[in-house]
Amino acid sequence: MDFASRMAEEKIQQAIRDGEFDNLPGKGKKQELEDLSAVPEDMRTSYLMMKNSGYLPEEIRLQKELVSLQEMLDLAKNPEQKEGYRKRLSEKEIQLRMLVEKKNLNKNSGFRKYSGKITKRFGI
C-alpha cells in the first residue's frame, strides 16, 4: 500500500472512531447499486458522469422525444391534435434518421451493440 492509500485509510479509521459516519443518510438501508455490466468497462466512468449530469446524446434525446410524441398521439382525442402529433413525430423520425446517417452510427458495430442497452439505462 502506498503512502496516499495509507493516509486515506488512516483518516477513514479516525473518522469511524470519532463517529463521523454514525448518522449518515441511508444508514442501515440496502444500497441500490447500479448494474453497469452492459456498459463497456472503459466507458463506465464517462457514462456515469453523463448520466449524473443529465446529459443525453442527441440520438437518445430524439428517441425519447419520439416515445413521448407517440404516447401523446395515442392519448389525443381531437383529430387536429392527432394530426399535429403525427407531423411532429414524422419530423423527429426524419431528424433521427439523418443524425444516424450523418454520424455513420448504423455502420458502427459498437453503437448497434450498446445502443439498446444504453437506451434502457436512460429509461427510454
N, C-alpha and C. Protein backbone atom coordinates (compact mmCIF):
# COMPACT_ATOMS: atom_id res chain seq x y z
N MET A 1 0.85 -1.17 0.00
CA MET A 1 0.00 0.00 0.00
C MET A 1 0.90 1.24 0.00
N ASP A 2 0.61 2.19 -0.90
CA ASP A 2 1.44 3.39 -0.99
C ASP A 2 1.07 4.40 0.11
N PHE A 3 1.84 5.46 0.19
CA PHE A 3 1.68 6.46 1.24
C PHE A 3 0.28 7.09 1.21
N ALA A 4 -0.20 7.47 0.03
CA ALA A 4 -1.51 8.13 -0.09
C ALA A 4 -2.63 7.20 0.38
N SER A 5 -2.55 5.93 0.00
CA SER A 5 -3.56 4.96 0.42
C SER A 5 -3.56 4.77 1.92
N ARG A 6 -2.36 4.71 2.51
CA ARG A 6 -2.26 4.55 3.97
C ARG A 6 -2.83 5.76 4.69
N MET A 7 -2.55 6.96 4.17
CA MET A 7 -3.08 8.19 4.79
C MET A 7 -4.60 8.23 4.69
N ALA A 8 -5.13 7.86 3.53
CA ALA A 8 -6.58 7.85 3.36
C ALA A 8 -7.22 6.84 4.30
N GLU A 9 -6.65 5.66 4.39
CA GLU A 9 -7.18 4.63 5.28
C GLU A 9 -7.12 5.09 6.74
N GLU A 10 -6.05 5.74 7.10
CA GLU A 10 -5.91 6.24 8.47
C GLU A 10 -6.98 7.29 8.78
N LYS A 11 -7.24 8.19 7.85
CA LYS A 11 -8.27 9.22 8.05
C LYS A 11 -9.66 8.59 8.14
N ILE A 12 -9.91 7.57 7.36
CA ILE A 12 -11.20 6.87 7.42
C ILE A 12 -11.37 6.20 8.78
N GLN A 13 -10.34 5.52 9.23
CA GLN A 13 -10.41 4.84 10.54
C GLN A 13 -10.61 5.85 11.66
N GLN A 14 -9.96 7.02 11.58
CA GLN A 14 -10.12 8.05 12.59
C GLN A 14 -11.55 8.58 12.58
N ALA A 15 -12.11 8.79 11.40
CA ALA A 15 -13.50 9.27 11.28
C ALA A 15 -14.47 8.25 11.86
N ILE A 16 -14.20 6.96 11.67
CA ILE A 16 -15.04 5.91 12.25
C ILE A 16 -14.97 5.99 13.78
N ARG A 17 -13.76 6.11 14.31
CA ARG A 17 -13.59 6.20 15.77
C ARG A 17 -14.28 7.44 16.33
N ASP A 18 -14.26 8.54 15.58
CA ASP A 18 -14.88 9.79 16.04
C ASP A 18 -16.39 9.81 15.83
N GLY A 19 -16.92 8.78 15.18
CA GLY A 19 -18.36 8.69 14.99
C GLY A 19 -18.91 9.54 13.85
N GLU A 20 -18.04 9.97 12.96
CA GLU A 20 -18.47 10.85 11.87
C GLU A 20 -19.38 10.14 10.85
N PHE A 21 -19.38 8.84 10.85
CA PHE A 21 -20.22 8.09 9.90
C PHE A 21 -21.48 7.53 10.55
N ASP A 22 -21.71 7.87 11.80
CA ASP A 22 -22.82 7.27 12.53
C ASP A 22 -24.21 7.71 12.07
N ASN A 23 -24.37 8.93 11.63
CA ASN A 23 -25.69 9.44 11.28
C ASN A 23 -25.82 9.81 9.81
N LEU A 24 -25.22 9.06 8.96
CA LEU A 24 -25.30 9.34 7.53
C LEU A 24 -26.68 8.94 7.00
N PRO A 25 -27.20 9.70 6.00
CA PRO A 25 -28.49 9.30 5.41
C PRO A 25 -28.36 7.92 4.76
N GLY A 26 -29.37 7.11 4.94
CA GLY A 26 -29.36 5.78 4.35
C GLY A 26 -28.66 4.73 5.20
N LYS A 27 -28.20 5.12 6.39
CA LYS A 27 -27.51 4.16 7.25
C LYS A 27 -28.45 3.01 7.60
N GLY A 28 -27.98 1.80 7.43
CA GLY A 28 -28.77 0.62 7.75
C GLY A 28 -29.72 0.20 6.65
N LYS A 29 -29.78 0.98 5.58
CA LYS A 29 -30.66 0.64 4.46
C LYS A 29 -29.84 -0.02 3.36
N LYS A 30 -30.49 -0.88 2.60
CA LYS A 30 -29.82 -1.55 1.50
C LYS A 30 -29.47 -0.52 0.43
N GLN A 31 -28.25 -0.55 -0.03
CA GLN A 31 -27.81 0.36 -1.07
C GLN A 31 -28.16 -0.22 -2.43
N GLU A 32 -28.73 0.61 -3.28
CA GLU A 32 -29.06 0.16 -4.63
C GLU A 32 -27.89 0.50 -5.54
N LEU A 33 -27.16 -0.51 -5.93
CA LEU A 33 -26.03 -0.32 -6.82
C LEU A 33 -26.49 -0.45 -8.26
N GLU A 34 -25.98 0.41 -9.09
CA GLU A 34 -26.37 0.39 -10.49
C GLU A 34 -25.59 -0.71 -11.21
N ASP A 35 -26.30 -1.53 -11.97
CA ASP A 35 -25.67 -2.59 -12.74
C ASP A 35 -25.12 -1.99 -14.02
N LEU A 36 -23.81 -1.93 -14.12
CA LEU A 36 -23.17 -1.35 -15.30
C LEU A 36 -22.56 -2.43 -16.19
N SER A 37 -22.99 -3.66 -16.02
CA SER A 37 -22.39 -4.75 -16.79
C SER A 37 -22.63 -4.62 -18.29
N ALA A 38 -23.67 -3.88 -18.70
CA ALA A 38 -23.96 -3.71 -20.12
C ALA A 38 -23.12 -2.60 -20.75
N VAL A 39 -22.44 -1.80 -19.92
CA VAL A 39 -21.61 -0.72 -20.43
C VAL A 39 -20.16 -1.20 -20.41
N PRO A 40 -19.44 -1.04 -21.53
CA PRO A 40 -18.04 -1.47 -21.55
C PRO A 40 -17.25 -0.82 -20.42
N GLU A 41 -16.33 -1.58 -19.84
CA GLU A 41 -15.60 -1.12 -18.67
C GLU A 41 -14.91 0.23 -18.89
N ASP A 42 -14.35 0.43 -20.08
CA ASP A 42 -13.64 1.68 -20.33
C ASP A 42 -14.57 2.87 -20.54
N MET A 43 -15.89 2.63 -20.63
CA MET A 43 -16.86 3.71 -20.83
C MET A 43 -17.69 4.00 -19.58
N ARG A 44 -17.51 3.23 -18.53
CA ARG A 44 -18.38 3.34 -17.36
C ARG A 44 -18.28 4.69 -16.66
N THR A 45 -17.07 5.19 -16.47
CA THR A 45 -16.92 6.47 -15.78
C THR A 45 -17.58 7.58 -16.57
N SER A 46 -17.32 7.61 -17.88
CA SER A 46 -17.92 8.68 -18.69
C SER A 46 -19.44 8.51 -18.75
N TYR A 47 -19.92 7.27 -18.80
CA TYR A 47 -21.36 7.01 -18.79
C TYR A 47 -21.99 7.58 -17.52
N LEU A 48 -21.39 7.28 -16.37
CA LEU A 48 -21.94 7.76 -15.10
C LEU A 48 -21.90 9.28 -15.00
N MET A 49 -20.82 9.88 -15.50
CA MET A 49 -20.72 11.34 -15.48
C MET A 49 -21.82 11.95 -16.33
N MET A 50 -22.03 11.41 -17.52
CA MET A 50 -23.08 11.92 -18.40
C MET A 50 -24.45 11.73 -17.78
N LYS A 51 -24.68 10.55 -17.24
CA LYS A 51 -25.99 10.25 -16.65
C LYS A 51 -26.27 11.14 -15.46
N ASN A 52 -25.29 11.30 -14.58
CA ASN A 52 -25.48 12.11 -13.38
C ASN A 52 -25.63 13.59 -13.69
N SER A 53 -25.08 14.03 -14.80
CA SER A 53 -25.21 15.45 -15.17
C SER A 53 -26.48 15.71 -15.97
N GLY A 54 -27.19 14.64 -16.32
CA GLY A 54 -28.43 14.80 -17.08
C GLY A 54 -28.21 14.87 -18.58
N TYR A 55 -26.99 14.62 -19.04
CA TYR A 55 -26.69 14.69 -20.46
C TYR A 55 -27.24 13.48 -21.19
N LEU A 56 -27.86 13.74 -22.32
CA LEU A 56 -28.28 12.66 -23.21
C LEU A 56 -27.69 12.91 -24.58
N PRO A 57 -27.10 11.90 -25.20
CA PRO A 57 -26.64 12.08 -26.57
C PRO A 57 -27.83 12.46 -27.46
N GLU A 58 -27.56 13.19 -28.51
CA GLU A 58 -28.62 13.71 -29.39
C GLU A 58 -29.54 12.60 -29.87
N GLU A 59 -28.98 11.46 -30.28
CA GLU A 59 -29.82 10.38 -30.81
C GLU A 59 -30.72 9.79 -29.72
N ILE A 60 -30.25 9.74 -28.49
CA ILE A 60 -31.06 9.23 -27.39
C ILE A 60 -32.15 10.25 -27.04
N ARG A 61 -31.80 11.54 -27.05
CA ARG A 61 -32.78 12.58 -26.78
C ARG A 61 -33.91 12.53 -27.81
N LEU A 62 -33.54 12.33 -29.08
CA LEU A 62 -34.56 12.23 -30.14
C LEU A 62 -35.44 11.00 -29.95
N GLN A 63 -34.83 9.88 -29.57
CA GLN A 63 -35.62 8.67 -29.34
C GLN A 63 -36.60 8.89 -28.19
N LYS A 64 -36.15 9.59 -27.16
CA LYS A 64 -37.02 9.88 -26.02
C LYS A 64 -38.19 10.77 -26.46
N GLU A 65 -37.90 11.76 -27.31
CA GLU A 65 -38.96 12.62 -27.83
C GLU A 65 -39.95 11.81 -28.67
N LEU A 66 -39.43 10.87 -29.46
CA LEU A 66 -40.31 10.03 -30.27
C LEU A 66 -41.28 9.22 -29.40
N VAL A 67 -40.77 8.68 -28.32
CA VAL A 67 -41.63 7.91 -27.41
C VAL A 67 -42.70 8.82 -26.81
N SER A 68 -42.31 10.01 -26.38
CA SER A 68 -43.28 10.95 -25.79
C SER A 68 -44.34 11.36 -26.81
N LEU A 69 -43.90 11.69 -28.03
CA LEU A 69 -44.86 12.08 -29.07
C LEU A 69 -45.82 10.96 -29.41
N GLN A 70 -45.31 9.73 -29.45
CA GLN A 70 -46.18 8.58 -29.75
C GLN A 70 -47.22 8.41 -28.65
N GLU A 71 -46.80 8.59 -27.39
CA GLU A 71 -47.74 8.49 -26.27
C GLU A 71 -48.80 9.58 -26.36
N MET A 72 -48.39 10.81 -26.69
CA MET A 72 -49.34 11.90 -26.81
C MET A 72 -50.31 11.65 -27.98
N LEU A 73 -49.79 11.10 -29.07
CA LEU A 73 -50.63 10.77 -30.21
C LEU A 73 -51.67 9.73 -29.82
N ASP A 74 -51.23 8.72 -29.08
CA ASP A 74 -52.15 7.65 -28.64
C ASP A 74 -53.25 8.18 -27.73
N LEU A 75 -52.94 9.20 -26.93
CA LEU A 75 -53.91 9.73 -25.97
C LEU A 75 -54.79 10.84 -26.54
N ALA A 76 -54.38 11.43 -27.65
CA ALA A 76 -55.12 12.57 -28.21
C ALA A 76 -56.49 12.13 -28.71
N LYS A 77 -57.49 12.96 -28.45
CA LYS A 77 -58.87 12.69 -28.90
C LYS A 77 -59.22 13.55 -30.11
N ASN A 78 -58.75 14.76 -30.12
CA ASN A 78 -59.05 15.73 -31.17
C ASN A 78 -58.29 15.36 -32.46
N PRO A 79 -58.98 15.24 -33.60
CA PRO A 79 -58.31 14.89 -34.86
C PRO A 79 -57.23 15.90 -35.26
N GLU A 80 -57.44 17.18 -34.97
CA GLU A 80 -56.42 18.18 -35.29
C GLU A 80 -55.17 17.98 -34.45
N GLN A 81 -55.38 17.66 -33.17
CA GLN A 81 -54.23 17.38 -32.29
C GLN A 81 -53.48 16.15 -32.80
N LYS A 82 -54.23 15.11 -33.14
CA LYS A 82 -53.61 13.88 -33.63
C LYS A 82 -52.75 14.17 -34.86
N GLU A 83 -53.27 14.98 -35.77
CA GLU A 83 -52.53 15.31 -36.99
C GLU A 83 -51.27 16.10 -36.66
N GLY A 84 -51.37 17.01 -35.70
CA GLY A 84 -50.19 17.77 -35.27
C GLY A 84 -49.12 16.87 -34.68
N TYR A 85 -49.54 15.91 -33.85
CA TYR A 85 -48.59 14.97 -33.26
C TYR A 85 -47.97 14.07 -34.33
N ARG A 86 -48.78 13.65 -35.30
CA ARG A 86 -48.25 12.82 -36.39
C ARG A 86 -47.17 13.56 -37.17
N LYS A 87 -47.44 14.83 -37.43
CA LYS A 87 -46.48 15.64 -38.19
C LYS A 87 -45.17 15.80 -37.40
N ARG A 88 -45.28 16.13 -36.11
CA ARG A 88 -44.08 16.29 -35.28
C ARG A 88 -43.33 14.97 -35.15
N LEU A 89 -44.08 13.87 -35.02
CA LEU A 89 -43.48 12.54 -34.92
C LEU A 89 -42.69 12.23 -36.19
N SER A 90 -43.28 12.52 -37.32
CA SER A 90 -42.62 12.28 -38.61
C SER A 90 -41.34 13.12 -38.73
N GLU A 91 -41.41 14.37 -38.31
CA GLU A 91 -40.24 15.25 -38.37
C GLU A 91 -39.11 14.72 -37.50
N LYS A 92 -39.45 14.28 -36.30
CA LYS A 92 -38.43 13.76 -35.38
C LYS A 92 -37.82 12.46 -35.90
N GLU A 93 -38.64 11.62 -36.53
CA GLU A 93 -38.12 10.38 -37.11
C GLU A 93 -37.11 10.69 -38.22
N ILE A 94 -37.44 11.69 -39.04
CA ILE A 94 -36.52 12.10 -40.11
C ILE A 94 -35.23 12.66 -39.51
N GLN A 95 -35.36 13.50 -38.48
CA GLN A 95 -34.18 14.05 -37.80
C GLN A 95 -33.28 12.94 -37.28
N LEU A 96 -33.90 11.93 -36.65
CA LEU A 96 -33.13 10.82 -36.09
C LEU A 96 -32.42 10.05 -37.20
N ARG A 97 -33.13 9.74 -38.28
CA ARG A 97 -32.50 9.02 -39.40
C ARG A 97 -31.33 9.80 -39.97
N MET A 98 -31.52 11.09 -40.13
CA MET A 98 -30.44 11.93 -40.68
C MET A 98 -29.24 11.97 -39.74
N LEU A 99 -29.49 12.05 -38.45
CA LEU A 99 -28.41 12.07 -37.46
C LEU A 99 -27.65 10.76 -37.47
N VAL A 100 -28.37 9.66 -37.51
CA VAL A 100 -27.73 8.34 -37.54
C VAL A 100 -26.88 8.19 -38.79
N GLU A 101 -27.40 8.65 -39.93
CA GLU A 101 -26.63 8.59 -41.17
C GLU A 101 -25.41 9.51 -41.11
N LYS A 102 -25.60 10.72 -40.60
CA LYS A 102 -24.51 11.70 -40.52
C LYS A 102 -23.36 11.17 -39.66
N LYS A 103 -23.70 10.56 -38.55
CA LYS A 103 -22.67 10.04 -37.64
C LYS A 103 -22.22 8.63 -38.02
N ASN A 104 -22.79 8.08 -39.09
CA ASN A 104 -22.50 6.70 -39.52
C ASN A 104 -22.72 5.70 -38.39
N LEU A 105 -23.70 5.98 -37.55
CA LEU A 105 -23.96 5.10 -36.41
C LEU A 105 -24.52 3.76 -36.85
N ASN A 106 -25.25 3.75 -37.97
CA ASN A 106 -25.81 2.48 -38.42
C ASN A 106 -24.72 1.51 -38.89
N LYS A 107 -23.51 2.02 -39.15
CA LYS A 107 -22.39 1.16 -39.56
C LYS A 107 -21.47 0.83 -38.40
N ASN A 108 -21.69 1.44 -37.26
CA ASN A 108 -20.82 1.27 -36.11
C ASN A 108 -21.31 0.08 -35.28
N SER A 109 -20.52 -0.97 -35.24
CA SER A 109 -20.95 -2.18 -34.52
C SER A 109 -21.10 -1.92 -33.03
N GLY A 110 -20.25 -1.07 -32.47
CA GLY A 110 -20.36 -0.73 -31.05
C GLY A 110 -21.68 -0.03 -30.75
N PHE A 111 -22.07 0.89 -31.63
CA PHE A 111 -23.34 1.59 -31.44
C PHE A 111 -24.50 0.60 -31.50
N ARG A 112 -24.48 -0.27 -32.49
CA ARG A 112 -25.56 -1.25 -32.62
C ARG A 112 -25.61 -2.16 -31.40
N LYS A 113 -24.45 -2.55 -30.92
CA LYS A 113 -24.38 -3.48 -29.79
C LYS A 113 -24.89 -2.85 -28.49
N TYR A 114 -24.52 -1.60 -28.24
CA TYR A 114 -24.83 -0.99 -26.95
C TYR A 114 -25.96 0.01 -26.95
N SER A 115 -26.44 0.44 -28.12
CA SER A 115 -27.46 1.49 -28.14
C SER A 115 -28.74 1.05 -27.42
N GLY A 116 -29.16 -0.18 -27.65
CA GLY A 116 -30.37 -0.66 -26.97
C GLY A 116 -30.18 -0.72 -25.47
N LYS A 117 -29.03 -1.18 -25.03
CA LYS A 117 -28.77 -1.28 -23.60
C LYS A 117 -28.67 0.09 -22.95
N ILE A 118 -28.01 1.02 -23.62
CA ILE A 118 -27.87 2.37 -23.07
C ILE A 118 -29.23 3.06 -23.07
N THR A 119 -30.01 2.84 -24.10
CA THR A 119 -31.35 3.42 -24.17
C THR A 119 -32.17 2.96 -22.98
N LYS A 120 -32.09 1.68 -22.64
CA LYS A 120 -32.82 1.17 -21.48
C LYS A 120 -32.32 1.81 -20.19
N ARG A 121 -31.01 2.00 -20.10
CA ARG A 121 -30.44 2.61 -18.90
C ARG A 121 -30.95 4.02 -18.67
N PHE A 122 -31.16 4.77 -19.78
CA PHE A 122 -31.66 6.13 -19.66
C PHE A 122 -33.16 6.15 -19.45
N GLY A 123 -33.79 4.99 -19.42
CA GLY A 123 -35.22 4.92 -19.13
C GLY A 123 -36.12 5.30 -20.29
N ILE A 124 -35.64 5.03 -21.48
CA ILE A 124 -36.44 5.38 -22.66
C ILE A 124 -37.25 4.19 -23.12
